Amino acid sequence: MDETGMETAVDPIALFSAWMREAEASELNDASAGALATTSRDGMPNVRMVLVKQIDERSFCFFTNAESQKGWELADNPRAAICFHWKSLRRQVRVAGRVTELSAAEADDYFHSRPRLSQLGAVASEQSRVLDSRELLVTRVKDLEKKFPGEIPRPQYWRGYVLRPERIEFWKSGEGRLHDRFLFSRSGEGWRKERLFP
């Protein structure tokens, strides 16, 4: 069986994982980058790119500053969507569902797996707030480097999030706009699969 085939797939997480493996081999940079959409309290949509760091049977995991715009919006409305687009493969996947936080231990593990400079940058940044100059950010990183010559503690506001999909839609480009689209929707403990018009 072709594990990357939408026609025969019954498990959308397995299909997504197969597509991700192909994307990692064909995309130049960051195959795991997805456009994360959240909404503000007044319903204004906001979208930005995030790296999805873990995909398993429960969800899609990403990490960010909980005091950023996306963190505030997820606190107000814990529902979100992520869109992956792999131009080299002419494929797209859209995922939508409820978002919850990962445990502190999981956030610690991932934070300390990152390069040291990335950890310092996460601590130094007051994400989504006004920054007077780049020099201020660079100075803060240098100061933190001196303050923490060893392990850098994960700030409480730097957290992991898990998007548990309720809908996953797969799209593959076809000639003459005869694209293929399949939507998987949660149905109890399983999935309902439907083909959609392109």
C-alpha atoms as a PDB file:
ATOM      1  CA  MET A   1       0.000   0.000   0.000  1.00  0.00           C
ATOM      2  CA  ASP A   2       1.212   3.534  -0.780  1.00  0.00           C
ATOM      3  CA  GLU A   3       1.435   5.115   2.674  1.00  0.00           C
ATOM      4  CA  THR A   4       1.463   8.638   1.203  1.00  0.00           C
ATOM      5  CA  GLY A   5      -1.752   8.038  -0.785  1.00  0.00           C
ATOM      6  CA  MET A   6      -4.828   9.981   0.278  1.00  0.00           C
ATOM      7  CA  GLU A   7      -7.142   7.594  -1.548  1.00  0.00           C
ATOM      8  CA  THR A   8      -6.377   4.621   0.687  1.00  0.00           C
ATOM      9  CA  ALA A   9      -5.414   6.341   3.953  1.00  0.00           C
ATOM     10  CA  VAL A  10      -7.602   5.695   6.989  1.00  0.00           C
ATOM     11  CA  ASP A  11      -5.407   7.312   9.674  1.00  0.00           C
ATOM     12  CA  PRO A  12      -4.731  11.028   9.063  1.00  0.00           C
ATOM     13  CA  ILE A  13      -1.877  11.192  11.588  1.00  0.00           C
ATOM     14  CA  ALA A  14      -0.060   8.341   9.831  1.00  0.00           C
ATOM     15  CA  LEU A  15      -0.685  10.033   6.464  1.00  0.00           C
ATOM     16  CA  PHE A  16       0.578  13.365   7.793  1.00  0.00           C
ATOM     17  CA  SER A  17       3.708  11.690   9.197  1.00  0.00           C
ATOM     18  CA  ALA A  18       4.424  10.080   5.820  1.00  0.00           C
ATOM     19  CA  TRP A  19       3.961  13.405   4.042  1.00  0.00           C
ATOM     20  CA  MET A  20       6.218  15.114   6.596  1.00  0.00           C
ATOM     21  CA  ARG A  21       8.998  12.583   5.959  1.00  0.00           C
ATOM     22  CA  GLU A  22       8.781  13.339   2.227  1.00  0.00           C
ATOM     23  CA  ALA A  23       8.742  17.091   2.910  1.00  0.00           C
ATOM     24  CA  GLU A  24      11.839  16.821   5.113  1.00  0.00           C
ATOM     25  CA  ALA A  25      13.623  15.234   2.152  1.00  0.00           C
ATOM     26  CA  SER A  26      12.437  17.760  -0.448  1.00  0.00           C
ATOM     27  CA  GLU A  27      11.996  21.147   1.267  1.00  0.00           C
ATOM     28  CA  LEU A  28      15.036  23.389   1.532  1.00  0.00           C
ATOM     29  CA  ASN A  29      14.223  24.743   4.996  1.00  0.00           C
ATOM     30  CA  ASP A  30      11.958  23.939   7.915  1.00  0.00           C
ATOM     31  CA  ALA A  31       9.523  21.367   6.569  1.00  0.00           C
ATOM     32  CA  SER A  32       7.841  21.457   9.986  1.00  0.00           C
ATOM     33  CA  ALA A  33       6.962  25.164   9.648  1.00  0.00           C
ATOM     34  CA  GLY A  34       3.239  25.824   9.676  1.00  0.00           C
ATOM     35  CA  ALA A  35       1.120  28.970   9.628  1.00  0.00           C
ATOM     36  CA  LEU A  36      -0.618  29.077  13.021  1.00  0.00           C
ATOM     37  CA  ALA A  37      -3.912  30.990  13.112  1.00  0.00           C
ATOM     38  CA  THR A  38      -5.467  32.270  16.334  1.00  0.00           C
ATOM     39  CA  THR A  39      -8.107  34.923  17.026  1.00  0.00           C
ATOM     40  CA  SER A  40      -8.127  37.973  19.256  1.00  0.00           C
ATOM     41  CA  ARG A  41     -10.789  38.591  21.868  1.00  0.00           C
ATOM     42  CA  ASP A  42     -12.751  40.703  19.358  1.00  0.00           C
ATOM     43  CA  GLY A  43     -12.534  38.025  16.648  1.00  0.00           C
ATOM     44  CA  MET A  44      -9.639  39.439  14.584  1.00  0.00           C
ATOM     45  CA  PRO A  45      -7.697  36.542  13.030  1.00  0.00           C
ATOM     46  CA  ASN A  46      -3.904  36.535  13.346  1.00  0.00           C
ATOM     47  CA  VAL A  47      -1.502  34.174  11.629  1.00  0.00           C
ATOM     48  CA  ARG A  48       2.234  33.559  11.931  1.00  0.00           C
ATOM     49  CA  MET A  49       4.721  30.800  11.203  1.00  0.00           C
ATOM     50  CA  VAL A  50       5.695  28.365  13.963  1.00  0.00           C
ATOM     51  CA  LEU A  51       7.822  25.233  13.962  1.00  0.00           C
ATOM     52  CA  VAL A  52       5.835  22.167  14.929  1.00  0.00           C
ATOM     53  CA  LYS A  53       8.286  20.167  16.994  1.00  0.00           C
ATOM     54  CA  GLN A  54       6.396  16.981  17.700  1.00  0.00           C
ATOM     55  CA  ILE A  55       3.602  15.133  15.957  1.00  0.00           C
ATOM     56  CA  ASP A  56       2.095  12.025  17.476  1.00  0.00           C
ATOM     57  CA  GLU A  57      -1.237  10.250  17.831  1.00  0.00           C
ATOM     58  CA  ARG A  58      -2.532  12.929  20.211  1.00  0.00           C
ATOM     59  CA  SER A  59      -1.526  16.119  18.533  1.00  0.00           C
ATOM     60  CA  PHE A  60       0.724  18.723  16.956  1.00  0.00           C
ATOM     61  CA  CYS A  61       3.093  20.389  19.470  1.00  0.00           C
ATOM     62  CA  PHE A  62       4.731  23.811  19.317  1.00  0.00           C
ATOM     63  CA  PHE A  63       6.471  26.061  21.824  1.00  0.00           C
ATOM     64  CA  THR A  64       6.241  29.804  22.395  1.00  0.00           C
ATOM     65  CA  ASN A  65       6.131  32.673  24.850  1.00  0.00           C
ATOM     66  CA  ALA A  66       2.751  32.559  26.626  1.00  0.00           C
ATOM     67  CA  GLU A  67       2.976  36.351  27.030  1.00  0.00           C
ATOM     68  CA  SER A  68       3.132  36.873  23.252  1.00  0.00           C
ATOM     69  CA  GLN A  69       0.149  37.780  21.087  1.00  0.00           C
ATOM     70  CA  LYS A  70      -0.488  34.121  20.260  1.00  0.00           C
ATOM     71  CA  GLY A  71      -0.186  33.194  23.934  1.00  0.00           C
ATOM     72  CA  TRP A  72      -2.760  35.824  24.939  1.00  0.00           C
ATOM     73  CA  GLU A  73      -5.089  34.751  22.161  1.00  0.00           C
ATOM     74  CA  LEU A  74      -4.821  31.058  23.015  1.00  0.00           C
ATOM     75  CA  ALA A  75      -5.618  31.893  26.652  1.00  0.00           C
ATOM     76  CA  ASP A  76      -8.777  33.729  25.518  1.00  0.00           C
ATOM     77  CA  ASN A  77      -9.800  31.224  22.845  1.00  0.00           C
ATOM     78  CA  PRO A  78      -8.007  27.852  23.023  1.00  0.00           C
ATOM     79  CA  ARG A  79      -8.860  26.893  19.449  1.00  0.00           C
ATOM     80  CA  ALA A  80      -6.470  27.269  16.534  1.00  0.00           C
ATOM     81  CA  ALA A  81      -5.551  26.089  13.055  1.00  0.00           C
ATOM     82  CA  ILE A  82      -2.237  25.302  11.381  1.00  0.00           C
ATOM     83  CA  CYS A  83      -1.603  25.177   7.631  1.00  0.00           C
ATOM     84  CA  PHE A  84       1.444  23.395   6.213  1.00  0.00           C
ATOM     85  CA  HIS A  85       2.393  24.074   2.597  1.00  0.00           C
ATOM     86  CA  TRP A  86       5.156  22.140   0.868  1.00  0.00           C
ATOM     87  CA  LYS A  87       5.715  23.837  -2.462  1.00  0.00           C
ATOM     88  CA  SER A  88       8.253  21.271  -3.692  1.00  0.00           C
ATOM     89  CA  LEU A  89       5.617  18.521  -3.307  1.00  0.00           C
ATOM     90  CA  ARG A  90       2.634  20.690  -4.317  1.00  0.00           C
ATOM     91  CA  ARG A  91       0.829  19.608  -1.151  1.00  0.00           C
ATOM     92  CA  GLN A  92      -0.957  21.323   1.697  1.00  0.00           C
ATOM     93  CA  VAL A  93      -2.378  20.132   5.018  1.00  0.00           C
ATOM     94  CA  ARG A  94      -4.785  22.110   7.207  1.00  0.00           C
ATOM     95  CA  VAL A  95      -5.287  21.142  10.847  1.00  0.00           C
ATOM     96  CA  ALA A  96      -7.847  22.647  13.241  1.00  0.00           C
ATOM     97  CA  GLY A  97      -8.744  21.865  16.829  1.00  0.00           C
ATOM     98  CA  ARG A  98      -8.478  22.650  20.513  1.00  0.00           C
ATOM     99  CA  VAL A  99      -5.204  23.754  22.103  1.00  0.00           C
ATOM    100  CA  THR A 100      -3.978  22.867  25.591  1.00  0.00           C
ATOM    101  CA  GLU A 101      -0.654  23.328  27.337  1.00  0.00           C
ATOM    102  CA  LEU A 102       2.000  20.663  27.605  1.00  0.00           C
ATOM    103  CA  SER A 103       3.387  19.820  31.036  1.00  0.00           C
ATOM    104  CA  ALA A 104       6.171  21.923  32.559  1.00  0.00           C
ATOM    105  CA  ALA A 105       8.469  18.885  32.313  1.00  0.00           C
ATOM    106  CA  GLU A 106       7.860  18.602  28.544  1.00  0.00           C
ATOM    107  CA  ALA A 107       8.496  22.340  28.120  1.00  0.00           C
ATOM    108  CA  ASP A 108      11.717  22.023  30.165  1.00  0.00           C
ATOM    109  CA  ASP A 109      12.942  19.096  28.074  1.00  0.00           C
ATOM    110  CA  TYR A 110      12.412  20.897  24.789  1.00  0.00           C
ATOM    111  CA  PHE A 111      13.729  24.268  26.029  1.00  0.00           C
ATOM    112  CA  HIS A 112      17.006  22.675  27.146  1.00  0.00           C
ATOM    113  CA  SER A 113      17.363  20.761  23.863  1.00  0.00           C
ATOM    114  CA  ARG A 114      17.582  24.047  21.940  1.00  0.00           C
ATOM    115  CA  PRO A 115      20.887  25.770  21.094  1.00  0.00           C
ATOM    116  CA  ARG A 116      22.179  28.015  23.887  1.00  0.00           C
ATOM    117  CA  LEU A 117      21.694  31.219  21.870  1.00  0.00           C
ATOM    118  CA  SER A 118      18.061  30.276  21.170  1.00  0.00           C
ATOM    119  CA  GLN A 119      17.502  29.776  24.896  1.00  0.00           C
ATOM    120  CA  LEU A 120      19.069  33.161  25.676  1.00  0.00           C
ATOM    121  CA  GLY A 121      16.981  34.803  22.958  1.00  0.00           C
ATOM    122  CA  ALA A 122      13.792  33.327  24.402  1.00  0.00           C
ATOM    123  CA  VAL A 123      14.614  34.675  27.870  1.00  0.00           C
ATOM    124  CA  ALA A 124      15.695  38.105  26.562  1.00  0.00           C
ATOM    125  CA  SER A 125      12.675  38.707  24.338  1.00  0.00           C
ATOM    126  CA  GLU A 126       9.501  40.350  25.588  1.00  0.00           C
ATOM    127  CA  GLN A 127       7.779  38.857  22.571  1.00  0.00           C
ATOM    128  CA  SER A 128       5.157  40.972  20.776  1.00  0.00           C
ATOM    129  CA  ARG A 129       5.979  44.103  22.819  1.00  0.00           C
ATOM    130  CA  VAL A 130       7.564  47.260  21.400  1.00  0.00           C
ATOM    131  CA  LEU A 131      11.394  47.119  21.184  1.00  0.00           C
ATOM    132  CA  ASP A 132      13.176  50.488  21.072  1.00  0.00           C
ATOM    133  CA  SER A 133      16.254  49.175  19.253  1.00  0.00           C
ATOM    134  CA  ARG A 134      17.974  45.965  18.167  1.00  0.00           C
ATOM    135  CA  GLU A 135      20.943  47.002  20.308  1.00  0.00           C
ATOM    136  CA  LEU A 136      18.770  46.696  23.431  1.00  0.00           C
ATOM    137  CA  LEU A 137      17.920  43.080  22.567  1.00  0.00           C
ATOM    138  CA  VAL A 138      21.571  42.227  21.852  1.00  0.00           C
ATOM    139  CA  THR A 139      22.630  43.832  25.151  1.00  0.00           C
ATOM    140  CA  ARG A 140      20.031  41.823  27.066  1.00  0.00           C
ATOM    141  CA  VAL A 141      21.305  38.586  25.511  1.00  0.00           C
ATOM    142  CA  LYS A 142      24.920  39.461  26.450  1.00  0.00           C
ATOM    143  CA  ASP A 143      23.867  40.293  30.014  1.00  0.00           C
ATOM    144  CA  LEU A 144      21.995  36.991  30.326  1.00  0.00           C
ATOM    145  CA  GLU A 145      25.010  35.130  28.966  1.00  0.00           C
ATOM    146  CA  LYS A 146      27.057  36.473  31.887  1.00  0.00           C
ATOM    147  CA  LYS A 147      24.273  35.872  34.406  1.00  0.00           C
ATOM    148  CA  PHE A 148      23.826  32.222  33.336  1.00  0.00           C
ATOM    149  CA  PRO A 149      27.250  30.746  32.465  1.00  0.00           C
ATOM    150  CA  GLY A 150      25.794  27.258  32.948  1.00  0.00           C
ATOM    151  CA  GLU A 151      22.243  26.042  32.434  1.00  0.00           C
ATOM    152  CA  ILE A 152      19.688  28.676  31.500  1.00  0.00           C
ATOM    153  CA  PRO A 153      16.456  28.252  33.460  1.00  0.00           C
ATOM    154  CA  ARG A 154      13.328  28.051  31.344  1.00  0.00           C
ATOM    155  CA  PRO A 155      11.203  31.127  31.994  1.00  0.00           C
ATOM    156  CA  GLN A 156       7.711  30.351  33.320  1.00  0.00           C
ATOM    157  CA  TYR A 157       6.159  32.153  30.361  1.00  0.00           C
ATOM    158  CA  TRP A 158       7.927  29.921  27.791  1.00  0.00           C
ATOM    159  CA  ARG A 159       5.561  27.007  27.290  1.00  0.00           C
ATOM    160  CA  GLY A 160       4.607  24.128  25.079  1.00  0.00           C
ATOM    161  CA  TYR A 161       1.210  23.842  23.414  1.00  0.00           C
ATOM    162  CA  VAL A 162      -0.561  20.910  21.880  1.00  0.00           C
ATOM    163  CA  LEU A 163      -3.173  21.241  19.150  1.00  0.00           C
ATOM    164  CA  ARG A 164      -5.448  18.194  19.233  1.00  0.00           C
ATOM    165  CA  PRO A 165      -6.896  17.964  15.728  1.00  0.00           C
ATOM    166  CA  GLU A 166     -10.627  17.801  15.184  1.00  0.00           C
ATOM    167  CA  ARG A 167     -10.247  18.257  11.417  1.00  0.00           C
ATOM    168  CA  ILE A 168      -7.313  17.480   9.118  1.00  0.00           C
ATOM    169  CA  GLU A 169      -7.585  18.270   5.431  1.00  0.00           C
ATOM    170  CA  PHE A 170      -5.096  17.019   2.843  1.00  0.00           C
ATOM    171  CA  TRP A 171      -4.725  18.775  -0.523  1.00  0.00           C
ATOM    172  CA  LYS A 172      -2.622  17.677  -3.492  1.00  0.00           C
ATOM    173  CA  SER A 173      -2.229  19.730  -6.662  1.00  0.00           C
ATOM    174  CA  GLY A 174      -3.689  18.325  -9.862  1.00  0.00           C
ATOM    175  CA  GLU A 175      -3.472  19.361 -13.489  1.00  0.00           C
ATOM    176  CA  GLY A 176      -6.042  21.896 -14.650  1.00  0.00           C
ATOM    177  CA  ARG A 177      -7.152  22.613 -11.054  1.00  0.00           C
ATOM    178  CA  LEU A 178      -8.371  19.030 -10.686  1.00  0.00           C
ATOM    179  CA  HIS A 179      -6.824  18.903  -7.236  1.00  0.00           C
ATOM    180  CA  ASP A 180      -7.426  16.149  -4.707  1.00  0.00           C
ATOM    181  CA  ARG A 181      -8.837  17.085  -1.282  1.00  0.00           C
ATOM    182  CA  PHE A 182      -9.722  14.766   1.559  1.00  0.00           C
ATOM    183  CA  LEU A 183     -11.119  15.873   4.913  1.00  0.00           C
ATOM    184  CA  PHE A 184     -10.762  13.741   8.046  1.00  0.00           C
ATOM    185  CA  SER A 185     -13.096  14.760  10.905  1.00  0.00           C
ATOM    186  CA  ARG A 186     -13.048  13.270  14.384  1.00  0.00           C
ATOM    187  CA  SER A 187     -15.906  10.877  14.991  1.00  0.00           C
ATOM    188  CA  GLY A 188     -15.837   9.412  18.483  1.00  0.00           C
ATOM    189  CA  GLU A 189     -12.455   7.710  18.829  1.00  0.00           C
ATOM    190  CA  GLY A 190     -12.034   7.401  15.060  1.00  0.00           C
ATOM    191  CA  TRP A 191     -12.150   9.520  11.923  1.00  0.00           C
ATOM    192  CA  ARG A 192     -14.712  10.160   9.198  1.00  0.00           C
ATOM    193  CA  LYS A 193     -13.157  10.673   5.759  1.00  0.00           C
ATOM    194  CA  GLU A 194     -14.740  12.630   2.894  1.00  0.00           C
ATOM    195  CA  ARG A 195     -13.521  13.710  -0.510  1.00  0.00           C
ATOM    196  CA  LEU A 196     -14.087  17.434  -1.182  1.00  0.00           C
ATOM    197  CA  PHE A 197     -14.450  19.355  -4.421  1.00  0.00           C
ATOM    198  CA  PRO A 198     -11.198  21.233  -5.126  1.00  0.00           C
END
